[in-house]
Amino acid sequence: MQITKITDKQDLLLNPKKKYLSAEVLQREFDYYRAEKLLRKMLEKGLITEVEFNKIDALNRQTFSPFLKEIMPSNR
């Protein structure tokens, strides 16, 4: 019986195209998520219009550069 210990190095050898997210990228994702959640609450409470929501969201995407911004819809 053979036992193999799985490590990160072995994972990279098995799947060299797999990319890991850095702490900075994860922080930007989290910051964008928090900003979007707050923005959506402002929209729901009538503090901003949908046009303002879309403009601010576009600025947030530029500022935080979320990882999946390419596939996110531009207008909600």
PDB file of N, CA and C in Angstrom:
ATOM      1  N   MET A   1       0.845  -1.173   0.000  1.00  0.00           N
ATOM      2  CA  MET A   1       0.000   0.000   0.000  1.00  0.00           C
ATOM      3  C   MET A   1       0.889   1.235   0.000  1.00  0.00           C
ATOM      4  N   GLN A   2       0.578   2.181  -0.898  1.00  0.00           N
ATOM      5  CA  GLN A   2       1.378   3.398  -0.998  1.00  0.00           C
ATOM      6  C   GLN A   2       0.537   4.581  -0.524  1.00  0.00           C
ATOM      7  N   ILE A   3       1.112   5.418   0.326  1.00  0.00           N
ATOM      8  CA  ILE A   3       0.431   6.604   0.839  1.00  0.00           C
ATOM      9  C   ILE A   3       1.144   7.821   0.276  1.00  0.00           C
ATOM     10  N   THR A   4       0.363   8.743  -0.275  1.00  0.00           N
ATOM     11  CA  THR A   4       0.934   9.947  -0.852  1.00  0.00           C
ATOM     12  C   THR A   4       0.394  11.162  -0.107  1.00  0.00           C
ATOM     13  N   LYS A   5       1.286  12.003   0.333  1.00  0.00           N
ATOM     14  CA  LYS A   5       0.893  13.242   1.005  1.00  0.00           C
ATOM     15  C   LYS A   5       0.665  14.305  -0.070  1.00  0.00           C
ATOM     16  N   ILE A   6      -0.484  14.929  -0.020  1.00  0.00           N
ATOM     17  CA  ILE A   6      -0.817  15.960  -1.008  1.00  0.00           C
ATOM     18  C   ILE A   6      -0.366  17.307  -0.463  1.00  0.00           C
ATOM     19  N   THR A   7       0.438  18.005  -1.247  1.00  0.00           N
ATOM     20  CA  THR A   7       0.928  19.325  -0.856  1.00  0.00           C
ATOM     21  C   THR A   7       0.639  20.308  -1.979  1.00  0.00           C
ATOM     22  N   ASP A   8       0.867  21.581  -1.679  1.00  0.00           N
ATOM     23  CA  ASP A   8       0.666  22.612  -2.696  1.00  0.00           C
ATOM     24  C   ASP A   8       1.586  22.395  -3.891  1.00  0.00           C
ATOM     25  N   LYS A   9       2.809  21.935  -3.635  1.00  0.00           N
ATOM     26  CA  LYS A   9       3.748  21.715  -4.727  1.00  0.00           C
ATOM     27  C   LYS A   9       3.235  20.627  -5.660  1.00  0.00           C
ATOM     28  N   GLN A  10       2.687  19.582  -5.097  1.00  0.00           N
ATOM     29  CA  GLN A  10       2.144  18.519  -5.926  1.00  0.00           C
ATOM     30  C   GLN A  10       0.943  19.030  -6.706  1.00  0.00           C
ATOM     31  N   ASP A  11       0.145  19.879  -6.076  1.00  0.00           N
ATOM     32  CA  ASP A  11      -1.020  20.445  -6.749  1.00  0.00           C
ATOM     33  C   ASP A  11      -0.583  21.248  -7.969  1.00  0.00           C
ATOM     34  N   LEU A  12       0.479  22.013  -7.825  1.00  0.00           N
ATOM     35  CA  LEU A  12       0.993  22.789  -8.951  1.00  0.00           C
ATOM     36  C   LEU A  12       1.528  21.888 -10.056  1.00  0.00           C
ATOM     37  N   LEU A  13       2.123  20.776  -9.660  1.00  0.00           N
ATOM     38  CA  LEU A  13       2.635  19.844 -10.665  1.00  0.00           C
ATOM     39  C   LEU A  13       1.497  19.180 -11.438  1.00  0.00           C
ATOM     40  N   LEU A  14       0.410  18.887 -10.740  1.00  0.00           N
ATOM     41  CA  LEU A  14      -0.728  18.242 -11.393  1.00  0.00           C
ATOM     42  C   LEU A  14      -1.502  19.213 -12.283  1.00  0.00           C
ATOM     43  N   ASN A  15      -1.571  20.463 -11.865  1.00  0.00           N
ATOM     44  CA  ASN A  15      -2.338  21.461 -12.602  1.00  0.00           C
ATOM     45  C   ASN A  15      -1.528  22.761 -12.667  1.00  0.00           C
ATOM     46  N   PRO A  16      -0.572  22.853 -13.577  1.00  0.00           N
ATOM     47  CA  PRO A  16       0.297  24.032 -13.615  1.00  0.00           C
ATOM     48  C   PRO A  16      -0.417  25.315 -14.038  1.00  0.00           C
ATOM     49  N   LYS A  17      -1.581  25.214 -14.667  1.00  0.00           N
ATOM     50  CA  LYS A  17      -2.299  26.402 -15.108  1.00  0.00           C
ATOM     51  C   LYS A  17      -3.152  27.013 -13.997  1.00  0.00           C
ATOM     52  N   LYS A  18      -3.265  26.316 -12.886  1.00  0.00           N
ATOM     53  CA  LYS A  18      -4.073  26.806 -11.774  1.00  0.00           C
ATOM     54  C   LYS A  18      -3.400  28.033 -11.177  1.00  0.00           C
ATOM     55  N   LYS A  19      -4.178  29.100 -10.993  1.00  0.00           N
ATOM     56  CA  LYS A  19      -3.638  30.334 -10.440  1.00  0.00           C
ATOM     57  C   LYS A  19      -4.232  30.565  -9.060  1.00  0.00           C
ATOM     58  N   TYR A  20      -3.395  31.009  -8.158  1.00  0.00           N
ATOM     59  CA  TYR A  20      -3.835  31.324  -6.809  1.00  0.00           C
ATOM     60  C   TYR A  20      -4.003  32.829  -6.690  1.00  0.00           C
ATOM     61  N   LEU A  21      -5.006  33.241  -5.932  1.00  0.00           N
ATOM     62  CA  LEU A  21      -5.254  34.660  -5.740  1.00  0.00           C
ATOM     63  C   LEU A  21      -4.395  35.174  -4.600  1.00  0.00           C
ATOM     64  N   SER A  22      -3.802  36.328  -4.806  1.00  0.00           N
ATOM     65  CA  SER A  22      -2.984  36.931  -3.758  1.00  0.00           C
ATOM     66  C   SER A  22      -3.885  37.576  -2.712  1.00  0.00           C
ATOM     67  N   ALA A  23      -3.304  37.918  -1.592  1.00  0.00           N
ATOM     68  CA  ALA A  23      -4.057  38.586  -0.527  1.00  0.00           C
ATOM     69  C   ALA A  23      -4.591  39.930  -1.021  1.00  0.00           C
ATOM     70  N   GLU A  24      -3.822  40.606  -1.855  1.00  0.00           N
ATOM     71  CA  GLU A  24      -4.239  41.902  -2.391  1.00  0.00           C
ATOM     72  C   GLU A  24      -5.476  41.755  -3.285  1.00  0.00           C
ATOM     73  N   VAL A  25      -5.487  40.752  -4.122  1.00  0.00           N
ATOM     74  CA  VAL A  25      -6.627  40.509  -5.008  1.00  0.00           C
ATOM     75  C   VAL A  25      -7.864  40.152  -4.188  1.00  0.00           C
ATOM     76  N   LEU A  26      -7.692  39.304  -3.190  1.00  0.00           N
ATOM     77  CA  LEU A  26      -8.819  38.937  -2.333  1.00  0.00           C
ATOM     78  C   LEU A  26      -9.353  40.141  -1.578  1.00  0.00           C
ATOM     79  N   GLN A  27      -8.471  41.030  -1.127  1.00  0.00           N
ATOM     80  CA  GLN A  27      -8.910  42.234  -0.417  1.00  0.00           C
ATOM     81  C   GLN A  27      -9.708  43.142  -1.344  1.00  0.00           C
ATOM     82  N   ARG A  28      -9.235  43.290  -2.600  1.00  0.00           N
ATOM     83  CA  ARG A  28      -9.984  44.117  -3.561  1.00  0.00           C
ATOM     84  C   ARG A  28     -11.366  43.532  -3.826  1.00  0.00           C
ATOM     85  N   GLU A  29     -11.460  42.205  -3.928  1.00  0.00           N
ATOM     86  CA  GLU A  29     -12.757  41.545  -4.125  1.00  0.00           C
ATOM     87  C   GLU A  29     -13.689  41.847  -2.957  1.00  0.00           C
ATOM     88  N   PHE A  30     -13.165  41.707  -1.746  1.00  0.00           N
ATOM     89  CA  PHE A  30     -13.960  41.946  -0.551  1.00  0.00           C
ATOM     90  C   PHE A  30     -14.402  43.403  -0.476  1.00  0.00           C
ATOM     91  N   ASP A  31     -13.491  44.333  -0.768  1.00  0.00           N
ATOM     92  CA  ASP A  31     -13.827  45.760  -0.738  1.00  0.00           C
ATOM     93  C   ASP A  31     -14.897  46.093  -1.768  1.00  0.00           C
ATOM     94  N   TYR A  32     -14.783  45.511  -2.964  1.00  0.00           N
ATOM     95  CA  TYR A  32     -15.803  45.751  -3.988  1.00  0.00           C
ATOM     96  C   TYR A  32     -17.153  45.199  -3.540  1.00  0.00           C
ATOM     97  N   TYR A  33     -17.141  44.007  -2.976  1.00  0.00           N
ATOM     98  CA  TYR A  33     -18.388  43.387  -2.506  1.00  0.00           C
ATOM     99  C   TYR A  33     -19.060  44.266  -1.456  1.00  0.00           C
ATOM    100  N   ARG A  34     -18.284  44.770  -0.500  1.00  0.00           N
ATOM    101  CA  ARG A  34     -18.860  45.630   0.547  1.00  0.00           C
ATOM    102  C   ARG A  34     -19.414  46.919  -0.050  1.00  0.00           C
ATOM    103  N   ALA A  35     -18.681  47.531  -0.982  1.00  0.00           N
ATOM    104  CA  ALA A  35     -19.130  48.769  -1.608  1.00  0.00           C
ATOM    105  C   ALA A  35     -20.413  48.534  -2.409  1.00  0.00           C
ATOM    106  N   GLU A  36     -20.475  47.406  -3.116  1.00  0.00           N
ATOM    107  CA  GLU A  36     -21.663  47.095  -3.919  1.00  0.00           C
ATOM    108  C   GLU A  36     -22.875  46.836  -3.028  1.00  0.00           C
ATOM    109  N   LYS A  37     -22.665  46.175  -1.913  1.00  0.00           N
ATOM    110  CA  LYS A  37     -23.748  45.888  -0.978  1.00  0.00           C
ATOM    111  C   LYS A  37     -24.311  47.189  -0.388  1.00  0.00           C
ATOM    112  N   LEU A  38     -23.425  48.093   0.004  1.00  0.00           N
ATOM    113  CA  LEU A  38     -23.851  49.391   0.536  1.00  0.00           C
ATOM    114  C   LEU A  38     -24.574  50.203  -0.536  1.00  0.00           C
ATOM    115  N   LEU A  39     -24.046  50.182  -1.730  1.00  0.00           N
ATOM    116  CA  LEU A  39     -24.649  50.913  -2.846  1.00  0.00           C
ATOM    117  C   LEU A  39     -26.049  50.396  -3.148  1.00  0.00           C
ATOM    118  N   ARG A  40     -26.214  49.074  -3.115  1.00  0.00           N
ATOM    119  CA  ARG A  40     -27.518  48.470  -3.374  1.00  0.00           C
ATOM    120  C   ARG A  40     -28.530  48.867  -2.285  1.00  0.00           C
ATOM    121  N   LYS A  41     -28.094  48.924  -1.038  1.00  0.00           N
ATOM    122  CA  LYS A  41     -28.988  49.357   0.049  1.00  0.00           C
ATOM    123  C   LYS A  41     -29.417  50.803  -0.148  1.00  0.00           C
ATOM    124  N   MET A  42     -28.494  51.640  -0.595  1.00  0.00           N
ATOM    125  CA  MET A  42     -28.823  53.041  -0.861  1.00  0.00           C
ATOM    126  C   MET A  42     -29.866  53.137  -1.966  1.00  0.00           C
ATOM    127  N   LEU A  43     -29.732  52.302  -2.986  1.00  0.00           N
ATOM    128  CA  LEU A  43     -30.692  52.281  -4.087  1.00  0.00           C
ATOM    129  C   LEU A  43     -32.062  51.827  -3.591  1.00  0.00           C
ATOM    130  N   GLU A  44     -32.084  50.765  -2.793  1.00  0.00           N
ATOM    131  CA  GLU A  44     -33.350  50.232  -2.276  1.00  0.00           C
ATOM    132  C   GLU A  44     -34.075  51.238  -1.387  1.00  0.00           C
ATOM    133  N   LYS A  45     -33.321  52.065  -0.649  1.00  0.00           N
ATOM    134  CA  LYS A  45     -33.930  53.044   0.252  1.00  0.00           C
ATOM    135  C   LYS A  45     -34.274  54.354  -0.461  1.00  0.00           C
ATOM    136  N   GLY A  46     -33.959  54.428  -1.751  1.00  0.00           N
ATOM    137  CA  GLY A  46     -34.294  55.612  -2.526  1.00  0.00           C
ATOM    138  C   GLY A  46     -33.330  56.766  -2.328  1.00  0.00           C
ATOM    139  N   LEU A  47     -32.164  56.499  -1.767  1.00  0.00           N
ATOM    140  CA  LEU A  47     -31.185  57.561  -1.546  1.00  0.00           C
ATOM    141  C   LEU A  47     -30.447  57.934  -2.823  1.00  0.00           C
ATOM    142  N   ILE A  48     -30.396  57.006  -3.768  1.00  0.00           N
ATOM    143  CA  ILE A  48     -29.792  57.265  -5.076  1.00  0.00           C
ATOM    144  C   ILE A  48     -30.696  56.678  -6.149  1.00  0.00           C
ATOM    145  N   THR A  49     -30.558  57.190  -7.372  1.00  0.00           N
ATOM    146  CA  THR A  49     -31.343  56.666  -8.493  1.00  0.00           C
ATOM    147  C   THR A  49     -30.595  55.505  -9.134  1.00  0.00           C
ATOM    148  N   GLU A  50     -31.265  54.797 -10.021  1.00  0.00           N
ATOM    149  CA  GLU A  50     -30.622  53.677 -10.717  1.00  0.00           C
ATOM    150  C   GLU A  50     -29.491  54.175 -11.612  1.00  0.00           C
ATOM    151  N   VAL A  51     -29.668  55.348 -12.192  1.00  0.00           N
ATOM    152  CA  VAL A  51     -28.607  55.930 -13.030  1.00  0.00           C
ATOM    153  C   VAL A  51     -27.374  56.215 -12.176  1.00  0.00           C
ATOM    154  N   GLU A  52     -27.583  56.789 -10.990  1.00  0.00           N
ATOM    155  CA  GLU A  52     -26.469  57.059 -10.085  1.00  0.00           C
ATOM    156  C   GLU A  52     -25.818  55.753  -9.623  1.00  0.00           C
ATOM    157  N   PHE A  53     -26.651  54.762  -9.341  1.00  0.00           N
ATOM    158  CA  PHE A  53     -26.138  53.445  -8.948  1.00  0.00           C
ATOM    159  C   PHE A  53     -25.192  52.900 -10.006  1.00  0.00           C
ATOM    160  N   ASN A  54     -25.619  52.935 -11.258  1.00  0.00           N
ATOM    161  CA  ASN A  54     -24.802  52.400 -12.353  1.00  0.00           C
ATOM    162  C   ASN A  54     -23.502  53.174 -12.523  1.00  0.00           C
ATOM    163  N   LYS A  55     -23.551  54.505 -12.378  1.00  0.00           N
ATOM    164  CA  LYS A  55     -22.335  55.319 -12.505  1.00  0.00           C
ATOM    165  C   LYS A  55     -21.353  55.012 -11.382  1.00  0.00           C
ATOM    166  N   ILE A  56     -21.858  54.939 -10.150  1.00  0.00           N
ATOM    167  CA  ILE A  56     -20.990  54.662  -9.002  1.00  0.00           C
ATOM    168  C   ILE A  56     -20.435  53.236  -9.096  1.00  0.00           C
ATOM    169  N   ASP A  57     -21.266  52.299  -9.524  1.00  0.00           N
ATOM    170  CA  ASP A  57     -20.807  50.916  -9.657  1.00  0.00           C
ATOM    171  C   ASP A  57     -19.697  50.820 -10.697  1.00  0.00           C
ATOM    172  N   ALA A  58     -19.826  51.549 -11.791  1.00  0.00           N
ATOM    173  CA  ALA A  58     -18.774  51.550 -12.820  1.00  0.00           C
ATOM    174  C   ALA A  58     -17.474  52.109 -12.251  1.00  0.00           C
ATOM    175  N   LEU A  59     -17.566  53.167 -11.445  1.00  0.00           N
ATOM    176  CA  LEU A  59     -16.373  53.727 -10.811  1.00  0.00           C
ATOM    177  C   LEU A  59     -15.767  52.744  -9.814  1.00  0.00           C
ATOM    178  N   ASN A  60     -16.622  52.051  -9.077  1.00  0.00           N
ATOM    179  CA  ASN A  60     -16.129  51.051  -8.121  1.00  0.00           C
ATOM    180  C   ASN A  60     -15.401  49.919  -8.829  1.00  0.00           C
ATOM    181  N   ARG A  61     -15.885  49.520  -9.994  1.00  0.00           N
ATOM    182  CA  ARG A  61     -15.207  48.455 -10.749  1.00  0.00           C
ATOM    183  C   ARG A  61     -13.825  48.894 -11.187  1.00  0.00           C
ATOM    184  N   GLN A  62     -13.688  50.170 -11.554  1.00  0.00           N
ATOM    185  CA  GLN A  62     -12.375  50.688 -11.936  1.00  0.00           C
ATOM    186  C   GLN A  62     -11.458  50.789 -10.719  1.00  0.00           C
ATOM    187  N   THR A  63     -12.025  51.234  -9.602  1.00  0.00           N
ATOM    188  CA  THR A  63     -11.235  51.433  -8.387  1.00  0.00           C
ATOM    189  C   THR A  63     -10.772  50.115  -7.786  1.00  0.00           C
ATOM    190  N   PHE A  64     -11.687  49.178  -7.623  1.00  0.00           N
ATOM    191  CA  PHE A  64     -11.370  47.929  -6.939  1.00  0.00           C
ATOM    192  C   PHE A  64     -10.908  46.827  -7.882  1.00  0.00           C
ATOM    193  N   SER A  65     -11.150  46.959  -9.165  1.00  0.00           N
ATOM    194  CA  SER A  65     -10.786  45.955 -10.164  1.00  0.00           C
ATOM    195  C   SER A  65     -11.131  44.535  -9.724  1.00  0.00           C
ATOM    196  N   PRO A  66     -12.427  44.258  -9.526  1.00  0.00           N
ATOM    197  CA  PRO A  66     -12.783  42.902  -9.109  1.00  0.00           C
ATOM    198  C   PRO A  66     -12.347  41.879 -10.155  1.00  0.00           C
ATOM    199  N   PHE A  67     -11.996  40.697  -9.690  1.00  0.00           N
ATOM    200  CA  PHE A  67     -11.440  39.628 -10.525  1.00  0.00           C
ATOM    201  C   PHE A  67     -12.372  39.256 -11.681  1.00  0.00           C
ATOM    202  N   LEU A  68     -13.659  39.244 -11.442  1.00  0.00           N
ATOM    203  CA  LEU A  68     -14.617  38.800 -12.452  1.00  0.00           C
ATOM    204  C   LEU A  68     -15.341  39.959 -13.154  1.00  0.00           C
ATOM    205  N   LYS A  69     -14.743  41.156 -13.152  1.00  0.00           N
ATOM    206  CA  LYS A  69     -15.439  42.308 -13.724  1.00  0.00           C
ATOM    207  C   LYS A  69     -15.731  42.149 -15.219  1.00  0.00           C
ATOM    208  N   GLU A  70     -14.929  41.347 -15.912  1.00  0.00           N
ATOM    209  CA  GLU A  70     -15.149  41.165 -17.345  1.00  0.00           C
ATOM    210  C   GLU A  70     -16.476  40.474 -17.650  1.00  0.00           C
ATOM    211  N   ILE A  71     -16.941  39.621 -16.753  1.00  0.00           N
ATOM    212  CA  ILE A  71     -18.187  38.897 -17.031  1.00  0.00           C
ATOM    213  C   ILE A  71     -19.378  39.472 -16.268  1.00  0.00           C
ATOM    214  N   MET A  72     -19.146  40.521 -15.464  1.00  0.00           N
ATOM    215  CA  MET A  72     -20.247  41.149 -14.734  1.00  0.00           C
ATOM    216  C   MET A  72     -21.084  41.977 -15.706  1.00  0.00           C
ATOM    217  N   PRO A  73     -22.411  41.985 -15.509  1.00  0.00           N
ATOM    218  CA  PRO A  73     -23.243  42.825 -16.379  1.00  0.00           C
ATOM    219  C   PRO A  73     -22.935  44.296 -16.119  1.00  0.00           C
ATOM    220  N   SER A  74     -22.975  45.114 -17.170  1.00  0.00           N
ATOM    221  CA  SER A  74     -22.648  46.530 -17.009  1.00  0.00           C
ATOM    222  C   SER A  74     -23.801  47.302 -16.379  1.00  0.00           C
ATOM    223  N   ASN A  75     -25.034  46.923 -16.643  1.00  0.00           N
ATOM    224  CA  ASN A  75     -26.194  47.574 -16.026  1.00  0.00           C
ATOM    225  C   ASN A  75     -27.025  46.534 -15.316  1.00  0.00           C
ATOM    226  N   ARG A  76     -27.601  46.919 -14.203  1.00  0.00           N
ATOM    227  CA  ARG A  76     -28.426  45.955 -13.453  1.00  0.00           C
ATOM    228  C   ARG A  76     -29.863  46.288 -13.561  1.00  0.00           C
TER     229      ARG A  76
END
